Amino acid sequence: MFLIGDVEITNQVIAAPMAGVSDRAFRMIAKSFGCGLVFTEMISDMGLVFGQARTLHIADTTAEKRPIAFQIFGSKPESMAQAAVCLEKMGADIIDINMGCPTPKIIKNGEGAALMLDIPRCRQIIRRVAEAVRIPVTVKMRTGWDDGHTACLELALVAQEEGAQAITLHPRSRMQFFSGHSDWDMIREVKKILKIPLIGNGDINSGADALRMIRETSCDAVMIGRGALGNPFLFREAAEILATGTVLPPPTFAERIETAREHLELAIKFKGEGVAVREMRKHISWYLKGIPGAAKIRVQINQASTRAEMLAIMRT
């Protein structure tokens, strides 16, 4: 267990906010496999301020187990603070500020990782958000814009000074996107200068990776992203090895198929059959990775348009 502000996190395993992935069904599956903290997909500050239906749907966490962190993105201190207030009223336990998203559609608006090019603006945003809410505020960042810049060292201290209660560092530059290897040495360097918790993120694909990151960097918790795609069992594996040192066996094919079915049913419950089936095609394909005949089954999954079709395919 560790604390972010006054919020108790049951273990050191955290699910990353991933656009198009970290919806309510995914979060509930992650929690069921022992994840200590889940994040929403990143939420537009202006979408919240103007009450856009799609944005409000992303922020809906009804009936979910707590705690839940809500991640917001934007570039204006005032609207970011207003968005944080909206989310606090909606039941957020933690507000996370996205200063690391590398995608062009976010960058072109001066949001996400582009903010790391303007530390004074970052300071204003963090200060205004932290002043606007009573719940803990955290910041997720990358190392910097490119390999020649390590703005994370300065930004981490700025965030701490302005009231952030924890930092998450994905030690790749914006220009790397998700290529190459994350630089865990930077996690260790940032940890040395902080008094608040530091969450390490990047290249955790096994429980052993989670344990090694904490041992090598002294970070307070690990955040798992792409490694959990179709593999929520990784949360259980990481939590167990961190708590007891025990290496759990991999899930059976039957368990993977059963979890995929559960994930599908949750998605349909929250989004309706039409939307859920389309969105679950990628998830089911991830669950099937490595299963004999998976390539042929994926083709069928990507053509399925109903719940019954998907379930029939998974029974084959």
Foldseek 3Di string as FASTA:
>chain_A
DDDQPNDDFPFQEEADADPLQQAQLNVQLLVVLPGREYEFHEAELVCQVVVPPVRVLSLQNPPHDDDYEYEYKDQAQVSLQVSLLSSVVNPHQEYEYAQADLDPVQVVRCMHVSCLVPLVSLLSNLLSNQVSDDHAYEYEHELHAAPVGRSVLVNLVSNVVSGHQEYEYFHHHSVCNQDDFRDLVVLLVSVVPDPHAYEYETDDQALVSQVVSCVVRVGPHYYYYPSCQLNSNRSNQNRCCVVPVDGDDGDDLVVSLVSLLSSLVVQCVSPNFQVSLQSSLRSNLSNCPPPVPSVVLSVQSNVDRGSVSNNVSSVD
